[in-house]
Amino acid sequence: MDNAKLMVNIVHSDDADQLMTALRQAGFSSTKISTTGGFLREGNATILVGVEGDAVPRVLEIIKRTCHTRTQYVNPLPPVMEPGELYLPNPVEVQVGGAVIFVLDVERLLRF
């Protein structure tokens, strides 16, 4: 397969199982690696999918359908303060979830 691709998909851990199920139902094999990262240092999943180049749009559609952004409120870290000062943080709204996708050329894709 000269047109093989490796799709590295970083998704929110809440969406990972649903994505793996949808990929399997569509006939795609995948591997999940638990990872941590992002602004909040929360749990993510990195889903690896090896496909022929013409299958990339189908996998992208599955990812769009199953991985959603959501709003979360977090308390910011307090600033450095003098003893006795009071800091009452206001929660900050951030977007989490969705997907970050890398599509890489693969020299050869083998399945045994």
PDB file of N, CA and C in Angstrom:
ATOM      1  N   MET A   1       0.843  -1.173   0.000  1.00  0.00           N
ATOM      2  CA  MET A   1       0.000   0.000   0.000  1.00  0.00           C
ATOM      3  C   MET A   1       0.892   1.241   0.000  1.00  0.00           C
ATOM      4  N   ASP A   2       0.972   1.902  -1.116  1.00  0.00           N
ATOM      5  CA  ASP A   2       1.848   3.054  -1.240  1.00  0.00           C
ATOM      6  C   ASP A   2       1.259   4.313  -0.640  1.00  0.00           C
ATOM      7  N   ASN A   3      -0.040   4.354  -0.451  1.00  0.00           N
ATOM      8  CA  ASN A   3      -0.717   5.553   0.006  1.00  0.00           C
ATOM      9  C   ASN A   3      -1.177   5.416   1.461  1.00  0.00           C
ATOM     10  N   ALA A   4      -0.457   4.623   2.261  1.00  0.00           N
ATOM     11  CA  ALA A   4      -0.869   4.360   3.635  1.00  0.00           C
ATOM     12  C   ALA A   4      -0.654   5.587   4.510  1.00  0.00           C
ATOM     13  N   LYS A   5      -1.522   5.722   5.522  1.00  0.00           N
ATOM     14  CA  LYS A   5      -1.466   6.841   6.463  1.00  0.00           C
ATOM     15  C   LYS A   5      -1.565   6.308   7.890  1.00  0.00           C
ATOM     16  N   LEU A   6      -0.910   7.011   8.797  1.00  0.00           N
ATOM     17  CA  LEU A   6      -1.086   6.778  10.220  1.00  0.00           C
ATOM     18  C   LEU A   6      -1.790   8.001  10.768  1.00  0.00           C
ATOM     19  N   MET A   7      -2.958   7.787  11.342  1.00  0.00           N
ATOM     20  CA  MET A   7      -3.713   8.870  11.951  1.00  0.00           C
ATOM     21  C   MET A   7      -3.501   8.801  13.455  1.00  0.00           C
ATOM     22  N   VAL A   8      -2.944   9.877  14.006  1.00  0.00           N
ATOM     23  CA  VAL A   8      -2.728  10.004  15.445  1.00  0.00           C
ATOM     24  C   VAL A   8      -3.785  10.984  15.937  1.00  0.00           C
ATOM     25  N   ASN A   9      -4.735  10.476  16.696  1.00  0.00           N
ATOM     26  CA  ASN A   9      -5.905  11.257  17.114  1.00  0.00           C
ATOM     27  C   ASN A   9      -5.889  11.426  18.623  1.00  0.00           C
ATOM     28  N   ILE A  10      -5.762  12.649  19.083  1.00  0.00           N
ATOM     29  CA  ILE A  10      -5.747  12.929  20.520  1.00  0.00           C
ATOM     30  C   ILE A  10      -7.133  13.454  20.885  1.00  0.00           C
ATOM     31  N   VAL A  11      -7.830  12.700  21.726  1.00  0.00           N
ATOM     32  CA  VAL A  11      -9.216  13.017  22.060  1.00  0.00           C
ATOM     33  C   VAL A  11      -9.389  13.026  23.575  1.00  0.00           C
ATOM     34  N   HIS A  12     -10.467  13.645  24.036  1.00  0.00           N
ATOM     35  CA  HIS A  12     -10.794  13.666  25.468  1.00  0.00           C
ATOM     36  C   HIS A  12     -11.107  12.242  25.901  1.00  0.00           C
ATOM     37  N   SER A  13     -10.691  11.885  27.106  1.00  0.00           N
ATOM     38  CA  SER A  13     -10.898  10.518  27.582  1.00  0.00           C
ATOM     39  C   SER A  13     -12.380  10.143  27.636  1.00  0.00           C
ATOM     40  N   ASP A  14     -13.274  11.127  27.819  1.00  0.00           N
ATOM     41  CA  ASP A  14     -14.711  10.835  27.835  1.00  0.00           C
ATOM     42  C   ASP A  14     -15.223  10.374  26.468  1.00  0.00           C
ATOM     43  N   ASP A  15     -14.532  10.744  25.383  1.00  0.00           N
ATOM     44  CA  ASP A  15     -14.968  10.391  24.030  1.00  0.00           C
ATOM     45  C   ASP A  15     -14.263   9.160  23.465  1.00  0.00           C
ATOM     46  N   ALA A  16     -13.213   8.693  24.126  1.00  0.00           N
ATOM     47  CA  ALA A  16     -12.354   7.658  23.554  1.00  0.00           C
ATOM     48  C   ALA A  16     -13.077   6.339  23.285  1.00  0.00           C
ATOM     49  N   ASP A  17     -13.823   5.844  24.248  1.00  0.00           N
ATOM     50  CA  ASP A  17     -14.487   4.548  24.062  1.00  0.00           C
ATOM     51  C   ASP A  17     -15.538   4.605  22.965  1.00  0.00           C
ATOM     52  N   GLN A  18     -16.287   5.695  22.913  1.00  0.00           N
ATOM     53  CA  GLN A  18     -17.289   5.848  21.858  1.00  0.00           C
ATOM     54  C   GLN A  18     -16.615   5.900  20.488  1.00  0.00           C
ATOM     55  N   LEU A  19     -15.477   6.588  20.394  1.00  0.00           N
ATOM     56  CA  LEU A  19     -14.739   6.651  19.130  1.00  0.00           C
ATOM     57  C   LEU A  19     -14.223   5.272  18.735  1.00  0.00           C
ATOM     58  N   MET A  20     -13.649   4.542  19.690  1.00  0.00           N
ATOM     59  CA  MET A  20     -13.130   3.197  19.390  1.00  0.00           C
ATOM     60  C   MET A  20     -14.253   2.278  18.893  1.00  0.00           C
ATOM     61  N   THR A  21     -15.416   2.368  19.516  1.00  0.00           N
ATOM     62  CA  THR A  21     -16.560   1.543  19.094  1.00  0.00           C
ATOM     63  C   THR A  21     -17.005   1.916  17.688  1.00  0.00           C
ATOM     64  N   ALA A  22     -17.114   3.211  17.403  1.00  0.00           N
ATOM     65  CA  ALA A  22     -17.547   3.667  16.075  1.00  0.00           C
ATOM     66  C   ALA A  22     -16.538   3.262  14.999  1.00  0.00           C
ATOM     67  N   LEU A  23     -15.255   3.356  15.298  1.00  0.00           N
ATOM     68  CA  LEU A  23     -14.235   2.928  14.334  1.00  0.00           C
ATOM     69  C   LEU A  23     -14.345   1.431  14.066  1.00  0.00           C
ATOM     70  N   ARG A  24     -14.488   0.643  15.116  1.00  0.00           N
ATOM     71  CA  ARG A  24     -14.607  -0.813  14.966  1.00  0.00           C
ATOM     72  C   ARG A  24     -15.841  -1.176  14.141  1.00  0.00           C
ATOM     73  N   GLN A  25     -16.972  -0.515  14.404  1.00  0.00           N
ATOM     74  CA  GLN A  25     -18.192  -0.797  13.646  1.00  0.00           C
ATOM     75  C   GLN A  25     -18.043  -0.447  12.170  1.00  0.00           C
ATOM     76  N   ALA A  26     -17.181   0.524  11.870  1.00  0.00           N
ATOM     77  CA  ALA A  26     -16.945   0.922  10.480  1.00  0.00           C
ATOM     78  C   ALA A  26     -15.846   0.078   9.821  1.00  0.00           C
ATOM     79  N   GLY A  27     -15.280  -0.867  10.571  1.00  0.00           N
ATOM     80  CA  GLY A  27     -14.277  -1.758  10.003  1.00  0.00           C
ATOM     81  C   GLY A  27     -12.838  -1.302  10.149  1.00  0.00           C
ATOM     82  N   PHE A  28     -12.588  -0.310  10.996  1.00  0.00           N
ATOM     83  CA  PHE A  28     -11.230   0.191  11.201  1.00  0.00           C
ATOM     84  C   PHE A  28     -10.665  -0.354  12.507  1.00  0.00           C
ATOM     85  N   SER A  29      -9.426  -0.825  12.448  1.00  0.00           N
ATOM     86  CA  SER A  29      -8.714  -1.242  13.659  1.00  0.00           C
ATOM     87  C   SER A  29      -8.050  -0.024  14.268  1.00  0.00           C
ATOM     88  N   SER A  30      -7.958  -0.005  15.590  1.00  0.00           N
ATOM     89  CA  SER A  30      -7.330   1.135  16.253  1.00  0.00           C
ATOM     90  C   SER A  30      -6.685   0.669  17.541  1.00  0.00           C
ATOM     91  N   THR A  31      -5.774   1.494  18.037  1.00  0.00           N
ATOM     92  CA  THR A  31      -5.098   1.241  19.299  1.00  0.00           C
ATOM     93  C   THR A  31      -5.230   2.484  20.161  1.00  0.00           C
ATOM     94  N   LYS A  32      -5.590   2.282  21.443  1.00  0.00           N
ATOM     95  CA  LYS A  32      -5.752   3.409  22.366  1.00  0.00           C
ATOM     96  C   LYS A  32      -4.590   3.431  23.352  1.00  0.00           C
ATOM     97  N   ILE A  33      -4.021   4.627  23.519  1.00  0.00           N
ATOM     98  CA  ILE A  33      -2.976   4.854  24.507  1.00  0.00           C
ATOM     99  C   ILE A  33      -3.487   5.954  25.443  1.00  0.00           C
ATOM    100  N   SER A  34      -3.500   5.685  26.736  1.00  0.00           N
ATOM    101  CA  SER A  34      -3.928   6.714  27.694  1.00  0.00           C
ATOM    102  C   SER A  34      -2.815   7.742  27.843  1.00  0.00           C
ATOM    103  N   THR A  35      -3.173   9.014  27.702  1.00  0.00           N
ATOM    104  CA  THR A  35      -2.193  10.095  27.767  1.00  0.00           C
ATOM    105  C   THR A  35      -2.742  11.222  28.633  1.00  0.00           C
ATOM    106  N   THR A  36      -1.886  12.160  28.959  1.00  0.00           N
ATOM    107  CA  THR A  36      -2.275  13.331  29.739  1.00  0.00           C
ATOM    108  C   THR A  36      -1.706  14.559  29.052  1.00  0.00           C
ATOM    109  N   GLY A  37      -2.466  15.627  29.038  1.00  0.00           N
ATOM    110  CA  GLY A  37      -1.944  16.844  28.433  1.00  0.00           C
ATOM    111  C   GLY A  37      -3.010  17.899  28.327  1.00  0.00           C
ATOM    112  N   GLY A  38      -2.712  18.909  27.551  1.00  0.00           N
ATOM    113  CA  GLY A  38      -3.642  20.000  27.358  1.00  0.00           C
ATOM    114  C   GLY A  38      -3.534  21.039  28.459  1.00  0.00           C
ATOM    115  N   PHE A  39      -4.348  22.048  28.329  1.00  0.00           N
ATOM    116  CA  PHE A  39      -4.344  23.188  29.244  1.00  0.00           C
ATOM    117  C   PHE A  39      -4.580  22.764  30.685  1.00  0.00           C
ATOM    118  N   LEU A  40      -5.479  21.807  30.900  1.00  0.00           N
ATOM    119  CA  LEU A  40      -5.852  21.410  32.254  1.00  0.00           C
ATOM    120  C   LEU A  40      -5.094  20.186  32.750  1.00  0.00           C
ATOM    121  N   ARG A  41      -4.220  19.636  31.933  1.00  0.00           N
ATOM    122  CA  ARG A  41      -3.462  18.434  32.289  1.00  0.00           C
ATOM    123  C   ARG A  41      -4.387  17.291  32.684  1.00  0.00           C
ATOM    124  N   GLU A  42      -5.466  17.146  31.931  1.00  0.00           N
ATOM    125  CA  GLU A  42      -6.441  16.092  32.201  1.00  0.00           C
ATOM    126  C   GLU A  42      -6.138  14.874  31.345  1.00  0.00           C
ATOM    127  N   GLY A  43      -6.864  13.799  31.643  1.00  0.00           N
ATOM    128  CA  GLY A  43      -6.696  12.571  30.897  1.00  0.00           C
ATOM    129  C   GLY A  43      -7.201  12.693  29.468  1.00  0.00           C
ATOM    130  N   ASN A  44      -6.374  12.266  28.552  1.00  0.00           N
ATOM    131  CA  ASN A  44      -6.725  12.187  27.137  1.00  0.00           C
ATOM    132  C   ASN A  44      -6.524  10.755  26.699  1.00  0.00           C
ATOM    133  N   ALA A  45      -6.860  10.494  25.473  1.00  0.00           N
ATOM    134  CA  ALA A  45      -6.533   9.225  24.854  1.00  0.00           C
ATOM    135  C   ALA A  45      -5.958   9.528  23.487  1.00  0.00           C
ATOM    136  N   THR A  46      -4.889   8.827  23.145  1.00  0.00           N
ATOM    137  CA  THR A  46      -4.327   8.919  21.809  1.00  0.00           C
ATOM    138  C   THR A  46      -4.745   7.652  21.078  1.00  0.00           C
ATOM    139  N   ILE A  47      -5.509   7.829  20.014  1.00  0.00           N
ATOM    140  CA  ILE A  47      -6.028   6.711  19.225  1.00  0.00           C
ATOM    141  C   ILE A  47      -5.226   6.643  17.935  1.00  0.00           C
ATOM    142  N   LEU A  48      -4.558   5.518  17.703  1.00  0.00           N
ATOM    143  CA  LEU A  48      -3.763   5.307  16.493  1.00  0.00           C
ATOM    144  C   LEU A  48      -4.573   4.471  15.507  1.00  0.00           C
ATOM    145  N   VAL A  49      -4.632   4.935  14.253  1.00  0.00           N
ATOM    146  CA  VAL A  49      -5.368   4.222  13.213  1.00  0.00           C
ATOM    147  C   VAL A  49      -4.504   4.200  11.958  1.00  0.00           C
ATOM    148  N   GLY A  50      -4.200   3.005  11.466  1.00  0.00           N
ATOM    149  CA  GLY A  50      -3.483   2.860  10.199  1.00  0.00           C
ATOM    150  C   GLY A  50      -4.487   2.577   9.098  1.00  0.00           C
ATOM    151  N   VAL A  51      -4.493   3.409   8.050  1.00  0.00           N
ATOM    152  CA  VAL A  51      -5.483   3.265   6.973  1.00  0.00           C
ATOM    153  C   VAL A  51      -4.837   3.540   5.619  1.00  0.00           C
ATOM    154  N   GLU A  52      -5.526   3.114   4.585  1.00  0.00           N
ATOM    155  CA  GLU A  52      -5.160   3.538   3.238  1.00  0.00           C
ATOM    156  C   GLU A  52      -5.596   4.987   3.086  1.00  0.00           C
ATOM    157  N   GLY A  53      -4.887   5.735   2.250  1.00  0.00           N
ATOM    158  CA  GLY A  53      -5.130   7.165   2.113  1.00  0.00           C
ATOM    159  C   GLY A  53      -6.557   7.541   1.789  1.00  0.00           C
ATOM    160  N   ASP A  54      -7.240   6.726   0.986  1.00  0.00           N
ATOM    161  CA  ASP A  54      -8.610   7.074   0.605  1.00  0.00           C
ATOM    162  C   ASP A  54      -9.613   6.879   1.742  1.00  0.00           C
ATOM    163  N   ALA A  55      -9.187   6.239   2.842  1.00  0.00           N
ATOM    164  CA  ALA A  55     -10.079   6.027   3.990  1.00  0.00           C
ATOM    165  C   ALA A  55     -10.001   7.176   4.995  1.00  0.00           C
ATOM    166  N   VAL A  56      -9.043   8.077   4.847  1.00  0.00           N
ATOM    167  CA  VAL A  56      -8.872   9.176   5.809  1.00  0.00           C
ATOM    168  C   VAL A  56     -10.153  10.002   5.964  1.00  0.00           C
ATOM    169  N   PRO A  57     -10.831  10.412   4.884  1.00  0.00           N
ATOM    170  CA  PRO A  57     -12.066  11.194   5.074  1.00  0.00           C
ATOM    171  C   PRO A  57     -13.141  10.464   5.883  1.00  0.00           C
ATOM    172  N   ARG A  58     -13.253   9.154   5.728  1.00  0.00           N
ATOM    173  CA  ARG A  58     -14.251   8.396   6.503  1.00  0.00           C
ATOM    174  C   ARG A  58     -13.901   8.392   7.985  1.00  0.00           C
ATOM    175  N   VAL A  59     -12.625   8.221   8.293  1.00  0.00           N
ATOM    176  CA  VAL A  59     -12.211   8.243   9.701  1.00  0.00           C
ATOM    177  C   VAL A  59     -12.429   9.639  10.291  1.00  0.00           C
ATOM    178  N   LEU A  60     -12.105  10.675   9.538  1.00  0.00           N
ATOM    179  CA  LEU A  60     -12.326  12.042  10.015  1.00  0.00           C
ATOM    180  C   LEU A  60     -13.798  12.292  10.317  1.00  0.00           C
ATOM    181  N   GLU A  61     -14.678  11.778   9.489  1.00  0.00           N
ATOM    182  CA  GLU A  61     -16.116  11.952   9.716  1.00  0.00           C
ATOM    183  C   GLU A  61     -16.550  11.260  11.005  1.00  0.00           C
ATOM    184  N   ILE A  62     -16.016  10.075  11.270  1.00  0.00           N
ATOM    185  CA  ILE A  62     -16.337   9.353  12.511  1.00  0.00           C
ATOM    186  C   ILE A  62     -15.856  10.154  13.716  1.00  0.00           C
ATOM    187  N   ILE A  63     -14.667  10.731  13.616  1.00  0.00           N
ATOM    188  CA  ILE A  63     -14.128  11.528  14.722  1.00  0.00           C
ATOM    189  C   ILE A  63     -15.000  12.758  14.961  1.00  0.00           C
ATOM    190  N   LYS A  64     -15.384  13.441  13.901  1.00  0.00           N
ATOM    191  CA  LYS A  64     -16.246  14.623  14.041  1.00  0.00           C
ATOM    192  C   LYS A  64     -17.575  14.272  14.706  1.00  0.00           C
ATOM    193  N   ARG A  65     -18.093  13.095  14.384  1.00  0.00           N
ATOM    194  CA  ARG A  65     -19.386  12.672  14.905  1.00  0.00           C
ATOM    195  C   ARG A  65     -19.319  12.260  16.381  1.00  0.00           C
ATOM    196  N   THR A  66     -18.163  11.773  16.837  1.00  0.00           N
ATOM    197  CA  THR A  66     -18.092  11.203  18.187  1.00  0.00           C
ATOM    198  C   THR A  66     -17.317  12.034  19.207  1.00  0.00           C
ATOM    199  N   CYS A  67     -16.505  12.978  18.777  1.00  0.00           N
ATOM    200  CA  CYS A  67     -15.664  13.744  19.707  1.00  0.00           C
ATOM    201  C   CYS A  67     -16.126  15.192  19.732  1.00  0.00           C
ATOM    202  N   HIS A  68     -16.645  15.624  20.868  1.00  0.00           N
ATOM    203  CA  HIS A  68     -17.264  16.936  20.974  1.00  0.00           C
ATOM    204  C   HIS A  68     -16.541  17.818  21.986  1.00  0.00           C
ATOM    205  N   THR A  69     -16.551  19.116  21.718  1.00  0.00           N
ATOM    206  CA  THR A  69     -16.037  20.049  22.714  1.00  0.00           C
ATOM    207  C   THR A  69     -17.117  20.301  23.749  1.00  0.00           C
ATOM    208  N   ARG A  70     -16.683  20.638  24.939  1.00  0.00           N
ATOM    209  CA  ARG A  70     -17.610  20.939  26.023  1.00  0.00           C
ATOM    210  C   ARG A  70     -17.014  22.064  26.860  1.00  0.00           C
ATOM    211  N   THR A  71     -17.855  22.751  27.582  1.00  0.00           N
ATOM    212  CA  THR A  71     -17.416  23.849  28.434  1.00  0.00           C
ATOM    213  C   THR A  71     -17.192  23.331  29.846  1.00  0.00           C
ATOM    214  N   GLN A  72     -16.110  23.794  30.449  1.00  0.00           N
ATOM    215  CA  GLN A  72     -15.792  23.411  31.813  1.00  0.00           C
ATOM    216  C   GLN A  72     -15.328  24.667  32.554  1.00  0.00           C
ATOM    217  N   TYR A  73     -15.665  24.764  33.815  1.00  0.00           N
ATOM    218  CA  TYR A  73     -15.239  25.894  34.628  1.00  0.00           C
ATOM    219  C   TYR A  73     -14.120  25.435  35.555  1.00  0.00           C
ATOM    220  N   VAL A  74     -13.050  26.229  35.603  1.00  0.00           N
ATOM    221  CA  VAL A  74     -11.915  25.899  36.471  1.00  0.00           C
ATOM    222  C   VAL A  74     -11.532  27.134  37.271  1.00  0.00           C
ATOM    223  N   ASN A  75     -10.935  26.909  38.426  1.00  0.00           N
ATOM    224  CA  ASN A  75     -10.417  28.013  39.235  1.00  0.00           C
ATOM    225  C   ASN A  75      -8.965  28.255  38.850  1.00  0.00           C
ATOM    226  N   PRO A  76      -8.620  29.484  38.513  1.00  0.00           N
ATOM    227  CA  PRO A  76      -7.230  29.774  38.153  1.00  0.00           C
ATOM    228  C   PRO A  76      -6.323  29.651  39.373  1.00  0.00           C
ATOM    229  N   LEU A  77      -5.031  29.453  39.126  1.00  0.00           N
ATOM    230  CA  LEU A  77      -4.064  29.393  40.214  1.00  0.00           C
ATOM    231  C   LEU A  77      -3.983  30.764  40.887  1.00  0.00           C
ATOM    232  N   PRO A  78      -3.850  30.785  42.191  1.00  0.00           N
ATOM    233  CA  PRO A  78      -3.768  32.082  42.878  1.00  0.00           C
ATOM    234  C   PRO A  78      -2.424  32.753  42.593  1.00  0.00           C
ATOM    235  N   PRO A  79      -2.420  34.080  42.540  1.00  0.00           N
ATOM    236  CA  PRO A  79      -1.158  34.792  42.355  1.00  0.00           C
ATOM    237  C   PRO A  79      -0.324  34.734  43.637  1.00  0.00           C
ATOM    238  N   VAL A  80       0.944  35.066  43.524  1.00  0.00           N
ATOM    239  CA  VAL A  80       1.798  35.150  44.707  1.00  0.00           C
ATOM    240  C   VAL A  80       1.327  36.345  45.523  1.00  0.00           C
ATOM    241  N   MET A  81       1.056  36.103  46.806  1.00  0.00           N
ATOM    242  CA  MET A  81       0.465  37.156  47.642  1.00  0.00           C
ATOM    243  C   MET A  81       1.250  37.288  48.938  1.00  0.00           C
ATOM    244  N   GLU A  82       1.076  38.398  49.549  1.00  0.00           N
ATOM    245  CA  GLU A  82       1.684  38.654  50.857  1.00  0.00           C
ATOM    246  C   GLU A  82       0.868  37.934  51.931  1.00  0.00           C
ATOM    247  N   PRO A  83       1.501  37.553  53.030  1.00  0.00           N
ATOM    248  CA  PRO A  83       0.750  36.918  54.124  1.00  0.00           C
ATOM    249  C   PRO A  83      -0.399  37.812  54.593  1.00  0.00           C
ATOM    250  N   GLY A  84      -1.551  37.213  54.782  1.00  0.00           N
ATOM    251  CA  GLY A  84      -2.709  37.941  55.265  1.00  0.00           C
ATOM    252  C   GLY A  84      -3.626  38.448  54.168  1.00  0.00           C
ATOM    253  N   GLU A  85      -3.169  38.455  52.899  1.00  0.00           N
ATOM    254  CA  GLU A  85      -4.039  38.900  51.804  1.00  0.00           C
ATOM    255  C   GLU A  85      -5.021  37.791  51.467  1.00  0.00           C
ATOM    256  N   LEU A  86      -6.187  38.186  51.006  1.00  0.00           N
ATOM    257  CA  LEU A  86      -7.239  37.230  50.659  1.00  0.00           C
ATOM    258  C   LEU A  86      -7.450  37.239  49.151  1.00  0.00           C
ATOM    259  N   TYR A  87      -7.498  36.048  48.579  1.00  0.00           N
ATOM    260  CA  TYR A  87      -7.718  35.921  47.129  1.00  0.00           C
ATOM    261  C   TYR A  87      -8.930  35.032  46.909  1.00  0.00           C
ATOM    262  N   LEU A  88      -9.956  35.562  46.278  1.00  0.00           N
ATOM    263  CA  LEU A  88     -11.151  34.792  45.943  1.00  0.00           C
ATOM    264  C   LEU A  88     -11.212  34.654  44.428  1.00  0.00           C
ATOM    265  N   PRO A  89     -10.837  33.499  43.911  1.00  0.00           N
ATOM    266  CA  PRO A  89     -10.804  33.340  42.458  1.00  0.00           C
ATOM    267  C   PRO A  89     -12.199  33.222  41.859  1.00  0.00           C
ATOM    268  N   ASN A  90     -12.359  33.775  40.681  1.00  0.00           N
ATOM    269  CA  ASN A  90     -13.586  33.571  39.910  1.00  0.00           C
ATOM    270  C   ASN A  90     -13.331  32.437  38.931  1.00  0.00           C
ATOM    271  N   PRO A  91     -14.242  31.480  38.840  1.00  0.00           N
ATOM    272  CA  PRO A  91     -14.040  30.395  37.882  1.00  0.00           C
ATOM    273  C   PRO A  91     -13.907  30.946  36.455  1.00  0.00           C
ATOM    274  N   VAL A  92     -13.060  30.286  35.694  1.00  0.00           N
ATOM    275  CA  VAL A  92     -12.812  30.665  34.308  1.00  0.00           C
ATOM    276  C   VAL A  92     -13.412  29.584  33.407  1.00  0.00           C
ATOM    277  N   GLU A  93     -14.108  29.994  32.360  1.00  0.00           N
ATOM    278  CA  GLU A  93     -14.720  29.065  31.422  1.00  0.00           C
ATOM    279  C   GLU A  93     -13.696  28.684  30.354  1.00  0.00           C
ATOM    280  N   VAL A  94     -13.492  27.370  30.150  1.00  0.00           N
ATOM    281  CA  VAL A  94     -12.577  26.887  29.107  1.00  0.00           C
ATOM    282  C   VAL A  94     -13.279  25.807  28.287  1.00  0.00           C
ATOM    283  N   GLN A  95     -12.861  25.671  27.057  1.00  0.00           N
ATOM    284  CA  GLN A  95     -13.372  24.615  26.181  1.00  0.00           C
ATOM    285  C   GLN A  95     -12.443  23.406  26.276  1.00  0.00           C
ATOM    286  N   VAL A  96     -12.999  22.228  26.485  1.00  0.00           N
ATOM    287  CA  VAL A  96     -12.229  20.987  26.514  1.00  0.00           C
ATOM    288  C   VAL A  96     -12.872  20.010  25.544  1.00  0.00           C
ATOM    289  N   GLY A  97     -12.132  18.983  25.202  1.00  0.00           N
ATOM    290  CA  GLY A  97     -12.649  17.961  24.315  1.00  0.00           C
ATOM    291  C   GLY A  97     -12.323  18.246  22.870  1.00  0.00           C
ATOM    292  N   GLY A  98     -13.112  17.666  21.976  1.00  0.00           N
ATOM    293  CA  GLY A  98     -12.814  17.761  20.561  1.00  0.00           C
ATOM    294  C   GLY A  98     -11.720  16.781  20.214  1.00  0.00           C
ATOM    295  N   ALA A  99     -10.952  17.103  19.195  1.00  0.00           N
ATOM    296  CA  ALA A  99      -9.878  16.210  18.767  1.00  0.00           C
ATOM    297  C   ALA A  99      -8.769  17.008  18.099  1.00  0.00           C
ATOM    298  N   VAL A 100      -7.557  16.528  18.283  1.00  0.00           N
ATOM    299  CA  VAL A 100      -6.395  17.016  17.539  1.00  0.00           C
ATOM    300  C   VAL A 100      -5.917  15.834  16.723  1.00  0.00           C
ATOM    301  N   ILE A 101      -5.791  16.030  15.410  1.00  0.00           N
ATOM    302  CA  ILE A 101      -5.526  14.914  14.501  1.00  0.00           C
ATOM    303  C   ILE A 101      -4.277  15.192  13.677  1.00  0.00           C
ATOM    304  N   PHE A 102      -3.386  14.215  13.652  1.00  0.00           N
ATOM    305  CA  PHE A 102      -2.207  14.260  12.797  1.00  0.00           C
ATOM    306  C   PHE A 102      -2.335  13.122  11.785  1.00  0.00           C
ATOM    307  N   VAL A 103      -2.161  13.428  10.514  1.00  0.00           N
ATOM    308  CA  VAL A 103      -2.195  12.406   9.466  1.00  0.00           C
ATOM    309  C   VAL A 103      -0.794  12.340   8.879  1.00  0.00           C
ATOM    310  N   LEU A 104      -0.147  11.186   9.065  1.00  0.00           N
ATOM    311  CA  LEU A 104       1.246  11.014   8.672  1.00  0.00           C
ATOM    312  C   LEU A 104       1.366  10.001   7.535  1.00  0.00           C
ATOM    313  N   ASP A 105       2.280  10.267   6.615  1.00  0.00           N
ATOM    314  CA  ASP A 105       2.580   9.297   5.564  1.00  0.00           C
ATOM    315  C   ASP A 105       3.301   8.106   6.180  1.00  0.00           C
ATOM    316  N   VAL A 106       2.962   6.913   5.691  1.00  0.00           N
ATOM    317  CA  VAL A 106       3.577   5.678   6.160  1.00  0.00           C
ATOM    318  C   VAL A 106       4.240   5.011   4.965  1.00  0.00           C
ATOM    319  N   GLU A 107       5.465   4.579   5.169  1.00  0.00           N
ATOM    320  CA  GLU A 107       6.179   3.933   4.064  1.00  0.00           C
ATOM    321  C   GLU A 107       5.494   2.639   3.639  1.00  0.00           C
ATOM    322  N   ARG A 108       5.067   1.857   4.612  1.00  0.00           N
ATOM    323  CA  ARG A 108       4.419   0.588   4.279  1.00  0.00           C
ATOM    324  C   ARG A 108       3.491   0.193   5.419  1.00  0.00           C
ATOM    325  N   LEU A 109       2.299  -0.266   5.070  1.00  0.00           N
ATOM    326  CA  LEU A 109       1.315  -0.743   6.043  1.00  0.00           C
ATOM    327  C   LEU A 109       1.107  -2.224   5.799  1.00  0.00           C
ATOM    328  N   LEU A 110       1.400  -3.028   6.821  1.00  0.00           N
ATOM    329  CA  LEU A 110       1.276  -4.483   6.715  1.00  0.00           C
ATOM    330  C   LEU A 110       0.249  -4.963   7.716  1.00  0.00           C
ATOM    331  N   ARG A 111      -0.539  -5.960   7.325  1.00  0.00           N
ATOM    332  CA  ARG A 111      -1.487  -6.598   8.241  1.00  0.00           C
ATOM    333  C   ARG A 111      -1.305  -8.106   8.117  1.00  0.00           C
ATOM    334  N   PHE A 112      -1.135  -8.747   9.230  1.00  0.00           N
ATOM    335  CA  PHE A 112      -0.952 -10.205   9.228  1.00  0.00           C
ATOM    336  C   PHE A 112      -2.110 -10.871   9.909  1.00  0.00           C
TER     337      PHE A 112
END
